[in-house]
C-alpha atoms as a PDB file:
ATOM      1  CA  MET A   1     107.330  88.488 127.576  1.00  0.00           C
ATOM      2  CA  SER A   2     106.902  85.827 124.901  1.00  0.00           C
ATOM      3  CA  SER A   3     107.743  86.542 121.280  1.00  0.00           C
ATOM      4  CA  TRP A   4     104.053  86.167 120.354  1.00  0.00           C
ATOM      5  CA  LYS A   5     103.050  88.799 122.875  1.00  0.00           C
ATOM      6  CA  LYS A   6     105.815  91.129 121.697  1.00  0.00           C
ATOM      7  CA  PHE A   7     104.719  90.638 118.092  1.00  0.00           C
ATOM      8  CA  LEU A   8     101.082  91.303 118.859  1.00  0.00           C
ATOM      9  CA  LEU A   9     101.930  94.226 121.108  1.00  0.00           C
ATOM     10  CA  SER A  10     103.869  95.861 118.275  1.00  0.00           C
ATOM     11  CA  TRP A  11     100.840  95.475 115.990  1.00  0.00           C
ATOM     12  CA  SER A  12      98.620  97.017 118.643  1.00  0.00           C
ATOM     13  CA  VAL A  13     100.993  99.960 118.954  1.00  0.00           C
ATOM     14  CA  VAL A  14     100.999 100.544 115.196  1.00  0.00           C
ATOM     15  CA  ILE A  15      97.220 100.427 115.061  1.00  0.00           C
ATOM     16  CA  ILE A  16      96.944 102.798 118.028  1.00  0.00           C
ATOM     17  CA  LEU A  17      99.378 105.248 116.416  1.00  0.00           C
ATOM     18  CA  VAL A  18      97.440 105.289 113.170  1.00  0.00           C
ATOM     19  CA  ALA A  19      94.080 105.517 114.873  1.00  0.00           C
ATOM     20  CA  SER A  20      95.227 108.316 117.175  1.00  0.00           C
ATOM     21  CA  THR A  21      95.817 110.634 114.224  1.00  0.00           C
ATOM     22  CA  MET A  22      92.537 109.774 112.600  1.00  0.00           C
ATOM     23  CA  ALA A  23      89.107 110.605 113.867  1.00  0.00           C
ATOM     24  CA  ALA A  24      88.040 107.233 112.528  1.00  0.00           C
ATOM     25  CA  GLU A  25      85.565 104.814 113.981  1.00  0.00           C
ATOM     26  CA  ARG A  26      86.828 102.077 111.676  1.00  0.00           C
ATOM     27  CA  ILE A  27      90.258 101.363 110.196  1.00  0.00           C
ATOM     28  CA  THR A  28      91.515  98.737 107.762  1.00  0.00           C
ATOM     29  CA  LEU A  29      94.495  96.468 108.381  1.00  0.00           C
ATOM     30  CA  TRP A  30      96.105  94.411 105.622  1.00  0.00           C
ATOM     31  CA  THR A  31      98.062  91.413 106.849  1.00  0.00           C
ATOM     32  CA  TRP A  32      99.227  88.047 105.565  1.00  0.00           C
ATOM     33  CA  TYR A  33      98.552  86.344 108.899  1.00  0.00           C
ATOM     34  CA  GLY A  34      95.667  83.955 108.541  1.00  0.00           C
ATOM     35  CA  THR A  35      94.952  80.744 110.454  1.00  0.00           C
ATOM     36  CA  GLU A  36      96.272  80.622 114.047  1.00  0.00           C
ATOM     37  CA  MET A  37      98.334  83.806 114.021  1.00  0.00           C
ATOM     38  CA  GLY A  38      95.511  85.704 112.349  1.00  0.00           C
ATOM     39  CA  ALA A  39      93.021  84.426 114.920  1.00  0.00           C
ATOM     40  CA  ILE A  40      95.261  85.603 117.769  1.00  0.00           C
ATOM     41  CA  LEU A  41      95.740  88.994 116.115  1.00  0.00           C
ATOM     42  CA  LYS A  42      91.993  89.377 115.509  1.00  0.00           C
ATOM     43  CA  ASP A  43      91.204  88.379 119.095  1.00  0.00           C
ATOM     44  CA  MET A  44      93.685  90.891 120.524  1.00  0.00           C
ATOM     45  CA  ILE A  45      92.398  93.675 118.301  1.00  0.00           C
ATOM     46  CA  GLN A  46      88.768  93.018 119.220  1.00  0.00           C
ATOM     47  CA  ASN A  47      89.258  92.382 122.932  1.00  0.00           C
ATOM     48  CA  GLU A  48      91.971  94.906 123.677  1.00  0.00           C
ATOM     49  CA  PHE A  49      92.200  97.626 121.040  1.00  0.00           C
ATOM     50  CA  SER A  50      88.574  97.950 119.877  1.00  0.00           C
ATOM     51  CA  ALA A  51      87.188  97.403 123.368  1.00  0.00           C
ATOM     52  CA  LYS A  52      89.325 100.245 124.763  1.00  0.00           C
ATOM     53  CA  THR A  53      89.118 102.731 121.881  1.00  0.00           C
ATOM     54  CA  GLY A  54      85.761 101.993 120.274  1.00  0.00           C
ATOM     55  CA  ILE A  55      87.535 101.861 116.897  1.00  0.00           C
ATOM     56  CA  GLU A  56      86.686  98.799 114.828  1.00  0.00           C
ATOM     57  CA  VAL A  57      89.369  97.178 112.689  1.00  0.00           C
ATOM     58  CA  ASP A  58      88.624  95.447 109.400  1.00  0.00           C
ATOM     59  CA  ILE A  59      91.285  92.801 108.859  1.00  0.00           C
ATOM     60  CA  VAL A  60      92.005  91.856 105.256  1.00  0.00           C
ATOM     61  CA  VAL A  61      94.244  88.810 104.770  1.00  0.00           C
ATOM     62  CA  LEU A  62      96.396  88.979 101.633  1.00  0.00           C
ATOM     63  CA  PRO A  63      98.796  86.401 100.242  1.00  0.00           C
ATOM     64  CA  ALA A  64     102.368  87.119 101.344  1.00  0.00           C
ATOM     65  CA  GLY A  65     104.440  88.789  98.650  1.00  0.00           C
ATOM     66  CA  ASP A  66     101.444  90.176  96.756  1.00  0.00           C
ATOM     67  CA  THR A  67     101.119  93.322  98.851  1.00  0.00           C
ATOM     68  CA  THR A  68     103.360  95.890  97.135  1.00  0.00           C
ATOM     69  CA  ASN A  69     101.576  96.208  93.795  1.00  0.00           C
ATOM     70  CA  LYS A  70      98.155  95.992  95.386  1.00  0.00           C
ATOM     71  CA  LEU A  71      99.126  98.705  97.880  1.00  0.00           C
ATOM     72  CA  ILE A  72     100.454 101.052  95.207  1.00  0.00           C
ATOM     73  CA  LEU A  73      97.340 100.580  93.071  1.00  0.00           C
ATOM     74  CA  SER A  74      95.000 101.049  96.034  1.00  0.00           C
ATOM     75  CA  TYR A  75      96.924 104.175  97.067  1.00  0.00           C
ATOM     76  CA  ILE A  76      96.639 105.631  93.573  1.00  0.00           C
ATOM     77  CA  GLY A  77      92.955 104.757  93.570  1.00  0.00           C
ATOM     78  CA  GLY A  78      92.408 106.404  96.969  1.00  0.00           C
ATOM     79  CA  ASP A  79      91.496 103.163  98.727  1.00  0.00           C
ATOM     80  CA  ALA A  80      94.694 102.231 100.611  1.00  0.00           C
ATOM     81  CA  PRO A  81      94.489 100.575 104.045  1.00  0.00           C
ATOM     82  CA  ASP A  82      95.253 102.471 107.239  1.00  0.00           C
ATOM     83  CA  VAL A  83      97.767  99.838 108.435  1.00  0.00           C
ATOM     84  CA  VAL A  84      99.621  97.314 106.273  1.00  0.00           C
ATOM     85  CA  GLU A  85     102.089  94.534 106.958  1.00  0.00           C
ATOM     86  CA  LEU A  86     105.070  94.523 104.618  1.00  0.00           C
ATOM     87  CA  TYR A  87     108.440  92.899 104.285  1.00  0.00           C
ATOM     88  CA  SER A  88     111.126  95.226 105.619  1.00  0.00           C
ATOM     89  CA  ASN A  89     112.784  95.506 102.193  1.00  0.00           C
ATOM     90  CA  GLN A  90     109.566  97.048 100.796  1.00  0.00           C
ATOM     91  CA  VAL A  91     109.090  99.700 103.452  1.00  0.00           C
ATOM     92  CA  VAL A  92     111.595 102.367 102.347  1.00  0.00           C
ATOM     93  CA  GLU A  93     110.771 101.942  98.659  1.00  0.00           C
ATOM     94  CA  LEU A  94     107.100 102.596  99.338  1.00  0.00           C
ATOM     95  CA  GLY A  95     107.886 105.332 101.848  1.00  0.00           C
ATOM     96  CA  VAL A  96     109.947 107.409  99.420  1.00  0.00           C
ATOM     97  CA  ARG A  97     107.101 107.079  96.918  1.00  0.00           C
ATOM     98  CA  ASP A  98     104.787 108.658  99.528  1.00  0.00           C
ATOM     99  CA  VAL A  99     102.701 105.507  99.733  1.00  0.00           C
ATOM    100  CA  LEU A 100     103.544 105.161 103.454  1.00  0.00           C
ATOM    101  CA  LEU A 101     103.262 107.784 106.157  1.00  0.00           C
ATOM    102  CA  ASN A 102     106.399 108.999 107.923  1.00  0.00           C
ATOM    103  CA  LEU A 103     105.832 107.652 111.439  1.00  0.00           C
ATOM    104  CA  ASN A 104     108.007 110.425 112.876  1.00  0.00           C
ATOM    105  CA  SER A 105     105.001 112.683 112.328  1.00  0.00           C
ATOM    106  CA  PHE A 106     103.375 111.049 115.375  1.00  0.00           C
ATOM    107  CA  PRO A 107     104.271 112.997 118.528  1.00  0.00           C
ATOM    108  CA  ASP A 108     104.568 109.835 120.655  1.00  0.00           C
ATOM    109  CA  ILE A 109     106.618 107.714 118.231  1.00  0.00           C
ATOM    110  CA  THR A 110     109.648 107.797 120.542  1.00  0.00           C
ATOM    111  CA  LYS A 111     107.597 106.013 123.210  1.00  0.00           C
ATOM    112  CA  VAL A 112     107.247 103.126 120.778  1.00  0.00           C
ATOM    113  CA  THR A 113     110.706 103.123 119.226  1.00  0.00           C
ATOM    114  CA  GLY A 114     112.316 103.585 122.640  1.00  0.00           C
ATOM    115  CA  GLN A 115     111.118 100.095 123.565  1.00  0.00           C
ATOM    116  CA  MET A 116     112.883  98.500 120.592  1.00  0.00           C
ATOM    117  CA  ASN A 117     116.427  97.589 119.788  1.00  0.00           C
ATOM    118  CA  PRO A 118     117.605 100.647 117.813  1.00  0.00           C
ATOM    119  CA  MET A 119     119.318  98.381 115.258  1.00  0.00           C
ATOM    120  CA  LEU A 120     115.887  97.255 114.018  1.00  0.00           C
ATOM    121  CA  LEU A 121     114.928 100.694 112.702  1.00  0.00           C
ATOM    122  CA  PRO A 122     117.571 101.621 110.048  1.00  0.00           C
ATOM    123  CA  THR A 123     116.081  99.217 107.481  1.00  0.00           C
ATOM    124  CA  MET A 124     112.810 101.117 107.747  1.00  0.00           C
ATOM    125  CA  THR A 125     114.328 104.591 107.760  1.00  0.00           C
ATOM    126  CA  TYR A 126     115.368 106.866 104.910  1.00  0.00           C
ATOM    127  CA  ARG A 127     116.709 110.390 105.451  1.00  0.00           C
ATOM    128  CA  LYS A 128     115.504 110.313 109.061  1.00  0.00           C
ATOM    129  CA  ASN A 129     111.966 109.376 107.960  1.00  0.00           C
ATOM    130  CA  LEU A 130     110.655 106.234 109.652  1.00  0.00           C
ATOM    131  CA  TYR A 131     108.192 104.328 107.472  1.00  0.00           C
ATOM    132  CA  GLY A 132     107.599 101.175 109.490  1.00  0.00           C
ATOM    133  CA  ILE A 133     107.892  99.388 112.799  1.00  0.00           C
ATOM    134  CA  PRO A 134     109.127  95.803 112.888  1.00  0.00           C
ATOM    135  CA  SER A 135     106.507  93.339 114.011  1.00  0.00           C
ATOM    136  CA  GLN A 136     108.895  90.444 114.484  1.00  0.00           C
ATOM    137  CA  VAL A 137     112.581  89.611 114.373  1.00  0.00           C
ATOM    138  CA  ASN A 138     114.026  86.528 112.718  1.00  0.00           C
ATOM    139  CA  TRP A 139     117.541  85.184 112.912  1.00  0.00           C
ATOM    140  CA  ALA A 140     119.446  82.124 111.768  1.00  0.00           C
ATOM    141  CA  TRP A 141     120.312  79.473 114.347  1.00  0.00           C
ATOM    142  CA  THR A 142     123.572  77.589 114.439  1.00  0.00           C
ATOM    143  CA  TYR A 143     123.870  74.159 116.010  1.00  0.00           C
ATOM    144  CA  TYR A 144     126.984  72.127 116.559  1.00  0.00           C
ATOM    145  CA  ARG A 145     127.633  68.633 117.869  1.00  0.00           C
ATOM    146  CA  THR A 146     130.272  68.644 120.585  1.00  0.00           C
ATOM    147  CA  ASP A 147     130.452  64.834 120.512  1.00  0.00           C
ATOM    148  CA  ILE A 148     131.520  64.854 116.853  1.00  0.00           C
ATOM    149  CA  LEU A 149     133.931  67.749 117.392  1.00  0.00           C
ATOM    150  CA  ASN A 150     135.471  65.910 120.376  1.00  0.00           C
ATOM    151  CA  GLU A 151     135.770  62.711 118.358  1.00  0.00           C
ATOM    152  CA  LEU A 152     137.669  64.614 115.663  1.00  0.00           C
ATOM    153  CA  GLY A 153     139.814  66.387 118.242  1.00  0.00           C
ATOM    154  CA  LEU A 154     138.377  69.804 117.379  1.00  0.00           C
ATOM    155  CA  SER A 155     137.107  72.598 119.593  1.00  0.00           C
ATOM    156  CA  VAL A 156     134.177  74.889 118.972  1.00  0.00           C
ATOM    157  CA  PRO A 157     135.327  77.567 116.474  1.00  0.00           C
END
């Protein structure tokens, strides 16, 4: 499965989890994905999630990095979104402030987390409360030039 499909599948799962606990006909998703990625996300939500569940999703695109304060203020004001995309370093902070729902309260959360590498979840967990699900995984690449190493008489470290 391609990384795009995995990413979009994880979003679909999050939306389904949230919608399954709500008797809502419409939910709100805050994301920073606009342009191509946003179009793919919107298409998948409309053609797969909404078509199957009948639940409409309002997608609100926010600038990356501006979400935390806006989320806290909207939560205090009673107008927080149902699903929000955050950086992983924001998840626990907002979770312990009760701005985010403990996802362990969903009876089928282990079906979702069981499909993930378990090392992805500790950054979104505090005192056994899970406040987020990773939507993508990034890592640093390392390249080396064997021709230059050979020329210098070195081997790959």
